[in-house]
Amino acid sequence: MTEPRGGPAMFYRLTTVFWAGVSLALFCAGCGLPLGSDKDEDSDMGPKGGGDTSGTDHLAGDTNVGDTNFRDTAVTANTLPAAISIKGAVQKGPFVIGSTVSASPLNGDFSAQGTFYKTSTVNNLGEFTIRLKASGPVALEGMGFYYNEVTGTLSAANLTLRALYYPGADGEQLVYINLVTHLIADRVKMLVSLGASFQDAVAQAETELWEALGITAPD
């Protein structure tokens, strides 16, 4: 027997559809969504593809903007190491050929970065060339035997002399390691820690050394 149109089964189906629709409407209203919208595309979590990316979207999830800003800041701050070539000499009297010269890039507070470059003097005038990468101050050290200008003979033992240097630009630069650079190195660190620029710290430390030794300019 065929069930008549509009019978109990049809009423049951219509009732089910009606309450399903009411439930969906209430759910959408609770989520703040218009009926028929897709939360993945239109919600306030931000667009998946194109669309307006203004407002707070850049603050929450736009990794391209954040990454680009970070990279630009790093480059602008000149934190990328520059290739430089330091040419100079180690002298007390002059260090002999084969003496060791090392260079260590430093952080802004003069702490070591952990990278070392080494070379040797190429003649009995203490001359050397060393190539390295640095974006801040550099600690230089020479160690070896030297010509004793008092006795006119080779020194009886090794001597270590140090210097601090701040590269001015890329390329070859002239630097000497001697008694003066050795004696003022710690004073330069102290003055920089108190706020002086590196150049001003070197000038002040040298002046203080001359005064302490009683060395004055000739009249």
N, C-alpha and C. Protein backbone atom coordinates (compact mmCIF):
# COMPACT_ATOMS: atom_id res chain seq x y z
N MET A 1 0.85 -1.21 0.00
CA MET A 1 0.00 0.00 0.00
C MET A 1 0.86 1.23 0.00
N THR A 2 0.56 2.13 -0.92
CA THR A 2 1.36 3.35 -1.03
C THR A 2 0.94 4.36 0.02
N GLU A 3 1.99 4.98 0.68
CA GLU A 3 1.71 5.96 1.72
C GLU A 3 1.25 7.26 1.08
N PRO A 4 0.14 7.84 1.55
CA PRO A 4 -0.36 9.09 0.96
C PRO A 4 0.61 10.22 1.20
N ARG A 5 0.64 11.20 0.21
CA ARG A 5 1.48 12.40 0.32
C ARG A 5 1.04 13.19 1.54
N GLY A 6 1.99 13.69 2.34
CA GLY A 6 1.65 14.49 3.51
C GLY A 6 1.34 13.64 4.72
N GLY A 7 1.68 12.31 4.66
CA GLY A 7 1.43 11.44 5.78
C GLY A 7 2.43 11.63 6.90
N PRO A 8 2.38 10.75 7.94
CA PRO A 8 3.27 10.88 9.11
C PRO A 8 4.75 10.86 8.77
N ALA A 9 5.15 10.00 7.81
CA ALA A 9 6.58 9.92 7.45
C ALA A 9 7.06 11.25 6.87
N MET A 10 6.26 11.85 5.98
CA MET A 10 6.64 13.14 5.40
C MET A 10 6.72 14.21 6.48
N PHE A 11 5.77 14.20 7.42
CA PHE A 11 5.78 15.18 8.51
C PHE A 11 7.03 15.03 9.37
N TYR A 12 7.43 13.76 9.59
CA TYR A 12 8.63 13.51 10.40
C TYR A 12 9.88 14.07 9.72
N ARG A 13 9.93 13.84 8.37
CA ARG A 13 11.10 14.33 7.63
C ARG A 13 11.14 15.86 7.64
N LEU A 14 10.02 16.52 7.45
CA LEU A 14 9.99 17.97 7.45
C LEU A 14 10.37 18.53 8.81
N THR A 15 9.89 17.86 9.88
CA THR A 15 10.23 18.31 11.24
C THR A 15 11.73 18.19 11.48
N THR A 16 12.31 17.08 11.01
CA THR A 16 13.76 16.88 11.19
C THR A 16 14.55 17.96 10.47
N VAL A 17 14.16 18.27 9.22
CA VAL A 17 14.85 19.30 8.45
C VAL A 17 14.71 20.66 9.12
N PHE A 18 13.48 20.93 9.67
CA PHE A 18 13.24 22.22 10.31
C PHE A 18 14.16 22.41 11.52
N TRP A 19 14.22 21.43 12.40
CA TRP A 19 15.06 21.56 13.60
C TRP A 19 16.55 21.56 13.26
N ALA A 20 16.94 20.85 12.20
CA ALA A 20 18.34 20.91 11.75
C ALA A 20 18.70 22.32 11.31
N GLY A 21 17.75 22.95 10.59
CA GLY A 21 17.98 24.32 10.16
C GLY A 21 18.07 25.29 11.32
N VAL A 22 17.20 25.11 12.32
CA VAL A 22 17.24 25.97 13.50
C VAL A 22 18.57 25.79 14.24
N SER A 23 19.02 24.56 14.38
CA SER A 23 20.29 24.29 15.07
C SER A 23 21.46 24.95 14.35
N LEU A 24 21.46 24.87 13.01
CA LEU A 24 22.54 25.48 12.23
C LEU A 24 22.53 27.00 12.40
N ALA A 25 21.30 27.59 12.39
CA ALA A 25 21.21 29.04 12.55
C ALA A 25 21.71 29.48 13.91
N LEU A 26 21.36 28.74 14.96
CA LEU A 26 21.82 29.07 16.30
C LEU A 26 23.33 28.93 16.43
N PHE A 27 23.90 27.89 15.81
CA PHE A 27 25.35 27.69 15.85
C PHE A 27 26.08 28.84 15.17
N CYS A 28 25.59 29.24 14.00
CA CYS A 28 26.24 30.33 13.26
C CYS A 28 26.14 31.65 14.03
N ALA A 29 24.97 31.87 14.65
CA ALA A 29 24.81 33.10 15.42
C ALA A 29 25.77 33.15 16.59
N GLY A 30 25.99 31.99 17.24
CA GLY A 30 26.92 31.94 18.36
C GLY A 30 28.35 32.17 17.95
N CYS A 31 28.70 31.80 16.74
CA CYS A 31 30.08 31.98 16.26
C CYS A 31 30.27 33.33 15.60
N GLY A 32 29.20 34.11 15.45
CA GLY A 32 29.32 35.41 14.80
C GLY A 32 29.43 35.31 13.30
N LEU A 33 28.91 34.21 12.72
CA LEU A 33 29.01 34.00 11.27
C LEU A 33 27.64 34.17 10.63
N PRO A 34 27.60 34.80 9.45
CA PRO A 34 26.34 34.82 8.72
C PRO A 34 26.04 33.44 8.18
N LEU A 35 24.75 33.08 8.11
CA LEU A 35 24.37 31.77 7.62
C LEU A 35 24.88 31.55 6.21
N GLY A 36 25.57 30.41 6.01
CA GLY A 36 26.07 30.08 4.68
C GLY A 36 27.50 30.47 4.46
N SER A 37 28.19 31.13 5.45
CA SER A 37 29.58 31.52 5.24
C SER A 37 30.51 30.38 5.55
N ASP A 38 31.77 30.46 5.06
CA ASP A 38 32.80 29.45 5.28
C ASP A 38 33.83 30.04 6.23
N LYS A 39 33.98 29.48 7.42
CA LYS A 39 34.85 30.06 8.44
C LYS A 39 36.30 30.10 8.00
N ASP A 40 36.74 29.11 7.25
CA ASP A 40 38.14 29.05 6.81
C ASP A 40 38.50 30.21 5.90
N GLU A 41 37.53 30.74 5.16
CA GLU A 41 37.83 31.78 4.19
C GLU A 41 37.48 33.17 4.70
N ASP A 42 36.36 33.29 5.46
CA ASP A 42 35.83 34.61 5.75
C ASP A 42 35.93 35.01 7.22
N SER A 43 36.45 34.19 8.09
CA SER A 43 36.47 34.54 9.50
C SER A 43 37.54 35.57 9.77
N ASP A 44 37.56 36.12 11.01
CA ASP A 44 38.52 37.15 11.36
C ASP A 44 39.90 36.59 11.67
N MET A 45 40.16 35.32 11.34
CA MET A 45 41.50 34.76 11.46
C MET A 45 42.40 35.27 10.35
N GLY A 46 41.82 35.92 9.33
CA GLY A 46 42.64 36.48 8.26
C GLY A 46 42.48 35.67 7.00
N PRO A 47 42.73 36.26 5.83
CA PRO A 47 42.55 35.59 4.55
C PRO A 47 43.59 34.52 4.34
N LYS A 48 43.18 33.42 3.69
CA LYS A 48 44.12 32.34 3.40
C LYS A 48 44.96 32.70 2.18
N GLY A 49 44.36 33.41 1.24
CA GLY A 49 45.10 33.74 0.04
C GLY A 49 45.25 35.23 -0.10
N GLY A 50 44.56 35.81 -1.11
CA GLY A 50 44.64 37.24 -1.32
C GLY A 50 43.73 37.98 -0.36
N GLY A 51 43.31 39.16 -0.75
CA GLY A 51 42.42 39.95 0.08
C GLY A 51 43.16 40.99 0.87
N ASP A 52 42.44 41.65 1.73
CA ASP A 52 43.02 42.75 2.52
C ASP A 52 43.90 42.20 3.62
N THR A 53 45.17 42.60 3.65
CA THR A 53 46.10 42.15 4.69
C THR A 53 46.45 43.29 5.63
N SER A 54 45.59 44.32 5.70
CA SER A 54 45.86 45.45 6.58
C SER A 54 45.44 45.13 7.99
N GLY A 55 45.66 46.09 8.90
CA GLY A 55 45.22 45.91 10.28
C GLY A 55 46.16 45.01 11.04
N THR A 56 45.57 44.10 11.86
CA THR A 56 46.39 43.27 12.74
C THR A 56 46.90 42.02 12.06
N ASP A 57 46.57 41.78 10.79
CA ASP A 57 47.03 40.56 10.13
C ASP A 57 48.54 40.49 10.09
N HIS A 58 49.24 41.62 9.93
CA HIS A 58 50.69 41.62 9.89
C HIS A 58 51.29 41.22 11.23
N LEU A 59 50.54 41.44 12.31
CA LEU A 59 51.06 41.14 13.64
C LEU A 59 50.88 39.69 13.99
N ALA A 60 49.98 39.02 13.34
CA ALA A 60 49.69 37.63 13.71
C ALA A 60 49.69 36.76 12.48
N GLY A 61 50.87 36.29 12.12
CA GLY A 61 50.92 35.26 11.10
C GLY A 61 51.53 35.65 9.78
N ASP A 62 51.78 36.94 9.49
CA ASP A 62 52.38 37.31 8.22
C ASP A 62 53.89 37.20 8.37
N THR A 63 54.40 35.98 8.24
CA THR A 63 55.82 35.74 8.48
C THR A 63 56.71 36.40 7.45
N ASN A 64 56.20 36.65 6.26
CA ASN A 64 57.02 37.32 5.24
C ASN A 64 57.41 38.71 5.69
N VAL A 65 56.45 39.45 6.24
CA VAL A 65 56.73 40.81 6.70
C VAL A 65 57.73 40.79 7.84
N GLY A 66 57.50 39.91 8.83
CA GLY A 66 58.41 39.84 9.97
C GLY A 66 59.81 39.45 9.57
N ASP A 67 59.94 38.41 8.73
CA ASP A 67 61.27 37.95 8.32
C ASP A 67 62.02 39.02 7.55
N THR A 68 61.31 39.73 6.66
CA THR A 68 61.97 40.76 5.87
C THR A 68 62.49 41.88 6.75
N ASN A 69 61.67 42.32 7.71
CA ASN A 69 62.11 43.38 8.61
C ASN A 69 63.33 42.97 9.41
N PHE A 70 63.35 41.71 9.86
CA PHE A 70 64.49 41.23 10.64
C PHE A 70 65.76 41.23 9.80
N ARG A 71 65.65 40.74 8.58
CA ARG A 71 66.83 40.70 7.72
C ARG A 71 67.32 42.11 7.40
N ASP A 72 66.39 43.03 7.12
CA ASP A 72 66.80 44.41 6.82
C ASP A 72 67.51 45.03 8.01
N THR A 73 67.02 44.77 9.23
CA THR A 73 67.65 45.32 10.43
C THR A 73 69.06 44.78 10.59
N ALA A 74 69.22 43.48 10.32
CA ALA A 74 70.54 42.87 10.48
C ALA A 74 71.54 43.49 9.52
N VAL A 75 71.12 43.69 8.27
CA VAL A 75 72.03 44.25 7.28
C VAL A 75 72.35 45.71 7.60
N THR A 76 71.31 46.48 8.00
CA THR A 76 71.51 47.88 8.32
C THR A 76 72.47 48.07 9.48
N ALA A 77 72.43 47.16 10.45
CA ALA A 77 73.29 47.25 11.62
C ALA A 77 74.73 46.86 11.32
N ASN A 78 75.00 46.46 10.07
CA ASN A 78 76.35 46.12 9.64
C ASN A 78 76.96 45.02 10.51
N THR A 79 76.15 43.98 10.74
CA THR A 79 76.63 42.88 11.57
C THR A 79 77.25 41.77 10.74
N LEU A 80 77.18 41.88 9.42
CA LEU A 80 77.78 40.86 8.59
C LEU A 80 79.28 41.07 8.51
N PRO A 81 80.09 40.01 8.77
CA PRO A 81 81.54 40.16 8.75
C PRO A 81 82.05 40.63 7.39
N ALA A 82 83.02 41.55 7.41
CA ALA A 82 83.63 42.05 6.18
C ALA A 82 85.01 41.41 6.01
N ALA A 83 85.37 41.12 4.77
CA ALA A 83 86.68 40.55 4.49
C ALA A 83 87.72 41.67 4.50
N ILE A 84 88.71 41.55 5.36
CA ILE A 84 89.75 42.57 5.45
C ILE A 84 91.12 41.90 5.41
N SER A 85 92.12 42.66 5.06
CA SER A 85 93.51 42.19 5.04
C SER A 85 94.33 43.17 5.88
N ILE A 86 94.93 42.65 6.94
CA ILE A 86 95.74 43.48 7.83
C ILE A 86 97.21 43.25 7.50
N LYS A 87 97.89 44.34 7.20
CA LYS A 87 99.31 44.29 6.88
C LYS A 87 100.05 45.18 7.88
N GLY A 88 101.15 44.69 8.43
CA GLY A 88 101.87 45.49 9.42
C GLY A 88 103.12 44.80 9.90
N ALA A 89 103.49 45.08 11.15
CA ALA A 89 104.72 44.51 11.71
C ALA A 89 104.60 44.40 13.21
N VAL A 90 105.35 43.44 13.78
CA VAL A 90 105.45 43.27 15.23
C VAL A 90 106.85 43.73 15.64
N GLN A 91 106.91 44.66 16.57
CA GLN A 91 108.22 45.25 16.90
C GLN A 91 108.35 45.53 18.39
N LYS A 92 109.51 45.12 18.90
CA LYS A 92 109.99 45.62 20.19
C LYS A 92 111.31 46.29 19.89
N GLY A 93 112.49 45.43 19.64
CA GLY A 93 113.03 45.36 18.34
C GLY A 93 112.19 44.47 17.45
N PRO A 94 112.45 44.48 16.17
CA PRO A 94 111.64 43.71 15.22
C PRO A 94 111.68 42.22 15.52
N PHE A 95 110.49 41.60 15.40
CA PHE A 95 110.41 40.15 15.59
C PHE A 95 111.02 39.47 14.37
N VAL A 96 111.63 38.30 14.62
CA VAL A 96 112.35 37.61 13.55
C VAL A 96 111.37 36.83 12.69
N ILE A 97 111.83 36.39 11.55
CA ILE A 97 111.02 35.62 10.61
C ILE A 97 110.48 34.36 11.29
N GLY A 98 109.24 34.03 11.00
CA GLY A 98 108.61 32.84 11.57
C GLY A 98 107.89 33.07 12.89
N SER A 99 107.91 34.30 13.42
CA SER A 99 107.16 34.59 14.64
C SER A 99 105.66 34.48 14.36
N THR A 100 104.90 34.07 15.36
CA THR A 100 103.46 33.84 15.19
C THR A 100 102.67 35.13 15.38
N VAL A 101 101.73 35.37 14.47
CA VAL A 101 100.80 36.50 14.59
C VAL A 101 99.39 35.94 14.49
N SER A 102 98.54 36.30 15.45
CA SER A 102 97.16 35.82 15.44
C SER A 102 96.19 36.99 15.54
N ALA A 103 95.00 36.79 15.01
CA ALA A 103 93.93 37.80 15.06
C ALA A 103 92.65 37.12 15.51
N SER A 104 91.93 37.79 16.41
CA SER A 104 90.68 37.24 16.95
C SER A 104 89.58 38.30 16.90
N PRO A 105 88.55 38.13 16.06
CA PRO A 105 87.43 39.07 16.05
C PRO A 105 86.72 39.09 17.41
N LEU A 106 86.33 40.28 17.85
CA LEU A 106 85.70 40.46 19.15
C LEU A 106 84.28 40.99 19.02
N ASN A 107 83.49 40.80 20.07
CA ASN A 107 82.18 41.44 20.16
C ASN A 107 82.36 42.89 20.60
N GLY A 108 81.26 43.62 20.65
CA GLY A 108 81.34 45.03 21.03
C GLY A 108 81.86 45.27 22.43
N ASP A 109 81.70 44.27 23.32
CA ASP A 109 82.21 44.41 24.68
C ASP A 109 83.61 43.82 24.83
N PHE A 110 84.26 43.53 23.70
CA PHE A 110 85.62 42.99 23.63
C PHE A 110 85.72 41.54 24.09
N SER A 111 84.60 40.85 24.23
CA SER A 111 84.66 39.41 24.50
C SER A 111 84.93 38.68 23.19
N ALA A 112 85.64 37.55 23.27
CA ALA A 112 86.04 36.81 22.08
C ALA A 112 84.86 36.12 21.43
N GLN A 113 84.84 36.11 20.10
CA GLN A 113 83.80 35.39 19.37
C GLN A 113 84.15 33.92 19.20
N GLY A 114 85.40 33.56 19.43
CA GLY A 114 85.81 32.17 19.33
C GLY A 114 86.45 31.79 18.00
N THR A 115 86.69 32.78 17.14
CA THR A 115 87.34 32.53 15.85
C THR A 115 88.74 33.10 15.87
N PHE A 116 89.71 32.33 15.37
CA PHE A 116 91.11 32.77 15.37
C PHE A 116 91.71 32.60 13.98
N TYR A 117 92.53 33.56 13.62
CA TYR A 117 93.27 33.52 12.36
C TYR A 117 94.76 33.63 12.70
N LYS A 118 95.59 32.82 12.03
CA LYS A 118 97.02 32.84 12.35
C LYS A 118 97.86 32.97 11.09
N THR A 119 99.02 33.59 11.26
CA THR A 119 100.01 33.68 10.20
C THR A 119 101.38 33.81 10.86
N SER A 120 102.41 34.03 10.05
CA SER A 120 103.77 34.18 10.58
C SER A 120 104.43 35.39 9.94
N THR A 121 105.39 35.96 10.64
CA THR A 121 106.16 37.06 10.06
C THR A 121 106.98 36.53 8.90
N VAL A 122 107.15 37.36 7.87
CA VAL A 122 107.76 36.89 6.62
C VAL A 122 109.23 37.29 6.49
N ASN A 123 109.73 38.13 7.44
CA ASN A 123 111.13 38.53 7.38
C ASN A 123 111.59 38.95 8.78
N ASN A 124 112.84 39.38 8.88
CA ASN A 124 113.38 39.77 10.19
C ASN A 124 113.05 41.21 10.58
N LEU A 125 112.12 41.83 9.84
CA LEU A 125 111.59 43.14 10.22
C LEU A 125 110.25 43.00 10.94
N GLY A 126 109.83 41.77 11.15
CA GLY A 126 108.57 41.51 11.85
C GLY A 126 107.33 41.74 11.01
N GLU A 127 107.46 41.83 9.70
CA GLU A 127 106.32 42.15 8.84
C GLU A 127 105.44 40.93 8.60
N PHE A 128 104.14 41.20 8.49
CA PHE A 128 103.16 40.12 8.30
C PHE A 128 101.97 40.63 7.52
N THR A 129 101.19 39.70 6.99
CA THR A 129 99.89 39.98 6.39
C THR A 129 98.94 38.89 6.85
N ILE A 130 97.77 39.29 7.32
CA ILE A 130 96.79 38.31 7.77
C ILE A 130 95.42 38.70 7.25
N ARG A 131 94.69 37.74 6.72
CA ARG A 131 93.35 37.99 6.16
C ARG A 131 92.30 37.38 7.08
N LEU A 132 91.23 38.11 7.28
CA LEU A 132 90.18 37.64 8.19
C LEU A 132 88.86 38.30 7.86
N LYS A 133 87.81 37.88 8.56
CA LYS A 133 86.50 38.50 8.45
C LYS A 133 86.11 39.02 9.82
N ALA A 134 85.71 40.29 9.88
CA ALA A 134 85.34 40.90 11.16
C ALA A 134 84.38 42.06 10.92
N SER A 135 83.46 42.25 11.86
CA SER A 135 82.53 43.38 11.79
C SER A 135 82.64 44.27 13.02
N GLY A 136 83.65 44.05 13.85
CA GLY A 136 83.85 44.83 15.06
C GLY A 136 85.33 44.85 15.42
N PRO A 137 85.66 45.11 16.68
CA PRO A 137 87.06 45.17 17.08
C PRO A 137 87.77 43.83 16.89
N VAL A 138 89.08 43.93 16.75
CA VAL A 138 89.92 42.73 16.54
C VAL A 138 91.08 42.78 17.53
N ALA A 139 91.34 41.65 18.18
CA ALA A 139 92.50 41.52 19.06
C ALA A 139 93.65 40.90 18.27
N LEU A 140 94.79 41.56 18.25
CA LEU A 140 95.98 41.07 17.55
C LEU A 140 97.04 40.68 18.57
N GLU A 141 97.81 39.65 18.22
CA GLU A 141 98.85 39.19 19.13
C GLU A 141 100.05 38.68 18.33
N GLY A 142 101.23 39.12 18.70
CA GLY A 142 102.46 38.63 18.08
C GLY A 142 103.31 37.95 19.14
N MET A 143 103.88 36.79 18.80
CA MET A 143 104.70 36.05 19.75
C MET A 143 105.92 35.47 19.04
N GLY A 144 107.10 35.74 19.60
CA GLY A 144 108.30 35.18 19.00
C GLY A 144 109.57 35.82 19.56
N PHE A 145 110.69 35.47 18.96
CA PHE A 145 111.97 36.08 19.33
C PHE A 145 112.12 37.41 18.59
N TYR A 146 112.89 38.30 19.14
CA TYR A 146 113.04 39.62 18.55
C TYR A 146 114.51 40.07 18.66
N TYR A 147 114.85 41.02 17.83
CA TYR A 147 116.19 41.61 17.86
C TYR A 147 116.27 42.58 19.04
N ASN A 148 117.17 42.30 19.97
CA ASN A 148 117.34 43.16 21.15
C ASN A 148 118.21 44.35 20.78
N GLU A 149 117.59 45.52 20.74
CA GLU A 149 118.29 46.72 20.29
C GLU A 149 119.32 47.20 21.32
N VAL A 150 119.25 46.71 22.54
CA VAL A 150 120.21 47.10 23.57
C VAL A 150 121.49 46.27 23.47
N THR A 151 121.34 44.96 23.33
CA THR A 151 122.51 44.08 23.28
C THR A 151 122.99 43.82 21.86
N GLY A 152 122.13 44.11 20.88
CA GLY A 152 122.49 43.84 19.49
C GLY A 152 122.44 42.36 19.15
N THR A 153 121.73 41.60 19.93
CA THR A 153 121.62 40.15 19.69
C THR A 153 120.16 39.72 19.71
N LEU A 154 119.96 38.44 19.37
CA LEU A 154 118.62 37.87 19.43
C LEU A 154 118.18 37.72 20.90
N SER A 155 116.91 37.93 21.17
CA SER A 155 116.41 37.82 22.53
C SER A 155 116.59 36.39 23.06
N ALA A 156 116.70 36.29 24.37
CA ALA A 156 116.92 34.97 24.98
C ALA A 156 115.63 34.18 25.14
N ALA A 157 114.49 34.84 24.99
CA ALA A 157 113.20 34.15 25.18
C ALA A 157 112.13 34.79 24.29
N ASN A 158 111.01 34.06 24.16
CA ASN A 158 109.86 34.59 23.42
C ASN A 158 109.27 35.79 24.14
N LEU A 159 108.68 36.67 23.36
CA LEU A 159 107.93 37.81 23.91
C LEU A 159 106.58 37.86 23.21
N THR A 160 105.55 38.16 23.98
CA THR A 160 104.19 38.32 23.42
C THR A 160 103.76 39.77 23.55
N LEU A 161 103.35 40.35 22.43
CA LEU A 161 102.82 41.71 22.41
C LEU A 161 101.41 41.69 21.83
N ARG A 162 100.56 42.59 22.34
CA ARG A 162 99.16 42.61 21.91
C ARG A 162 98.75 44.00 21.42
N ALA A 163 97.66 44.00 20.68
CA ALA A 163 97.09 45.27 20.19
C ALA A 163 95.61 45.08 19.96
N LEU A 164 94.85 46.18 20.07
CA LEU A 164 93.44 46.20 19.69
C LEU A 164 93.30 47.06 18.45
N TYR A 165 92.43 46.61 17.54
CA TYR A 165 92.25 47.35 16.29
C TYR A 165 90.80 47.30 15.89
N TYR A 166 90.31 48.41 15.35
CA TYR A 166 88.94 48.49 14.85
C TYR A 166 88.99 48.74 13.35
N PRO A 167 88.65 47.74 12.52
CA PRO A 167 88.74 47.91 11.07
C PRO A 167 87.88 49.07 10.60
N GLY A 168 88.46 49.88 9.71
CA GLY A 168 87.74 51.04 9.21
C GLY A 168 86.90 50.75 8.00
N ALA A 169 87.28 49.76 7.19
CA ALA A 169 86.57 49.45 5.96
C ALA A 169 87.07 48.12 5.43
N ASP A 170 86.48 47.68 4.31
CA ASP A 170 86.97 46.47 3.67
C ASP A 170 88.34 46.73 3.07
N GLY A 171 89.05 45.64 2.75
CA GLY A 171 90.31 45.76 2.05
C GLY A 171 91.52 45.79 2.96
N GLU A 172 92.67 46.17 2.40
CA GLU A 172 93.94 46.14 3.13
C GLU A 172 94.08 47.33 4.09
N GLN A 173 94.57 47.04 5.29
CA GLN A 173 94.73 48.07 6.31
C GLN A 173 96.07 47.87 7.02
N LEU A 174 96.67 48.97 7.46
CA LEU A 174 97.99 48.95 8.05
C LEU A 174 97.89 49.02 9.58
N VAL A 175 98.49 48.03 10.27
CA VAL A 175 98.41 47.95 11.73
C VAL A 175 99.77 47.50 12.27
N TYR A 176 100.20 48.12 13.39
CA TYR A 176 101.44 47.71 14.04
C TYR A 176 101.14 47.20 15.46
N ILE A 177 101.90 46.18 15.85
CA ILE A 177 101.83 45.63 17.20
C ILE A 177 103.17 45.95 17.87
N ASN A 178 103.12 46.73 18.96
CA ASN A 178 104.37 47.15 19.60
C ASN A 178 104.14 47.38 21.10
N LEU A 179 105.14 47.93 21.77
CA LEU A 179 105.03 48.15 23.21
C LEU A 179 103.89 49.12 23.57
N VAL A 180 103.70 50.14 22.74
CA VAL A 180 102.64 51.11 23.03
C VAL A 180 101.27 50.45 22.94
N THR A 181 101.01 49.74 21.86
CA THR A 181 99.70 49.08 21.72
C THR A 181 99.48 48.07 22.83
N HIS A 182 100.55 47.43 23.26
CA HIS A 182 100.45 46.44 24.33
C HIS A 182 100.09 47.10 25.66
N LEU A 183 100.73 48.22 25.96
CA LEU A 183 100.53 48.87 27.26
C LEU A 183 99.18 49.57 27.39
N ILE A 184 98.61 50.01 26.27
CA ILE A 184 97.34 50.73 26.36
C ILE A 184 96.12 49.85 26.14
N ALA A 185 96.28 48.58 25.78
CA ALA A 185 95.14 47.74 25.39
C ALA A 185 94.07 47.65 26.48
N ASP A 186 94.47 47.35 27.70
CA ASP A 186 93.47 47.22 28.77
C ASP A 186 92.81 48.55 29.10
N ARG A 187 93.58 49.64 29.03
CA ARG A 187 93.02 50.97 29.30
C ARG A 187 91.99 51.34 28.24
N VAL A 188 92.25 50.99 26.99
CA VAL A 188 91.29 51.25 25.92
C VAL A 188 89.98 50.52 26.20
N LYS A 189 90.04 49.26 26.60
CA LYS A 189 88.83 48.51 26.93
C LYS A 189 88.04 49.20 28.03
N MET A 190 88.73 49.67 29.06
CA MET A 190 88.06 50.32 30.17
C MET A 190 87.37 51.61 29.72
N LEU A 191 88.06 52.42 28.92
CA LEU A 191 87.47 53.69 28.47
C LEU A 191 86.26 53.47 27.58
N VAL A 192 86.33 52.45 26.72
CA VAL A 192 85.18 52.14 25.86
C VAL A 192 84.00 51.68 26.72
N SER A 193 84.27 50.89 27.74
CA SER A 193 83.19 50.42 28.63
C SER A 193 82.54 51.58 29.37
N LEU A 194 83.27 52.70 29.52
CA LEU A 194 82.73 53.88 30.19
C LEU A 194 82.02 54.83 29.23
N GLY A 195 81.99 54.46 27.93
CA GLY A 195 81.23 55.25 26.97
C GLY A 195 82.04 55.95 25.90
N ALA A 196 83.36 55.88 25.94
CA ALA A 196 84.18 56.55 24.91
C ALA A 196 84.13 55.77 23.61
N SER A 197 84.30 56.47 22.49
CA SER A 197 84.44 55.78 21.22
C SER A 197 85.81 55.11 21.18
N PHE A 198 85.97 54.15 20.28
CA PHE A 198 87.25 53.45 20.21
C PHE A 198 88.39 54.40 19.89
N GLN A 199 88.19 55.30 18.93
CA GLN A 199 89.23 56.24 18.54
C GLN A 199 89.60 57.18 19.69
N ASP A 200 88.59 57.69 20.39
CA ASP A 200 88.86 58.59 21.51
C ASP A 200 89.56 57.84 22.65
N ALA A 201 89.18 56.59 22.85
CA ALA A 201 89.80 55.79 23.91
C ALA A 201 91.28 55.57 23.63
N VAL A 202 91.63 55.28 22.38
CA VAL A 202 93.04 55.08 22.01
C VAL A 202 93.82 56.37 22.21
N ALA A 203 93.27 57.50 21.77
CA ALA A 203 93.97 58.78 21.91
C ALA A 203 94.19 59.12 23.38
N GLN A 204 93.17 58.91 24.22
CA GLN A 204 93.30 59.23 25.64
C GLN A 204 94.30 58.30 26.32
N ALA A 205 94.25 57.01 25.99
CA ALA A 205 95.16 56.05 26.61
C ALA A 205 96.61 56.35 26.23
N GLU A 206 96.87 56.75 24.98
CA GLU A 206 98.22 57.10 24.57
C GLU A 206 98.71 58.34 25.31
N THR A 207 97.84 59.35 25.44
CA THR A 207 98.21 60.57 26.15
C THR A 207 98.56 60.27 27.61
N GLU A 208 97.74 59.43 28.24
CA GLU A 208 98.01 59.06 29.63
C GLU A 208 99.33 58.30 29.77
N LEU A 209 99.65 57.47 28.78
CA LEU A 209 100.91 56.74 28.82
C LEU A 209 102.10 57.70 28.71
N TRP A 210 102.02 58.65 27.77
CA TRP A 210 103.11 59.62 27.64
C TRP A 210 103.31 60.40 28.93
N GLU A 211 102.21 60.81 29.53
CA GLU A 211 102.31 61.56 30.79
C GLU A 211 102.91 60.73 31.91
N ALA A 212 102.52 59.45 31.98
CA ALA A 212 103.05 58.58 33.03
C ALA A 212 104.53 58.33 32.86
N LEU A 213 105.00 58.31 31.61
CA LEU A 213 106.42 58.07 31.34
C LEU A 213 107.22 59.38 31.30
N GLY A 214 106.52 60.50 31.40
CA GLY A 214 107.22 61.78 31.34
C GLY A 214 107.71 62.13 29.96
N ILE A 215 107.04 61.62 28.93
CA ILE A 215 107.44 61.91 27.56
C ILE A 215 106.64 63.11 27.05
N THR A 216 107.32 64.12 26.61
CA THR A 216 106.66 65.32 26.09
C THR A 216 107.16 65.63 24.70
N ALA A 217 106.37 66.38 23.98
CA ALA A 217 106.75 66.78 22.62
C ALA A 217 107.92 67.75 22.71
N PRO A 218 108.86 67.68 21.75
CA PRO A 218 109.99 68.61 21.78
C PRO A 218 109.57 70.05 21.59
N ASP A 219 110.26 70.96 22.21
CA ASP A 219 109.97 72.39 22.07
C ASP A 219 110.30 72.88 20.65
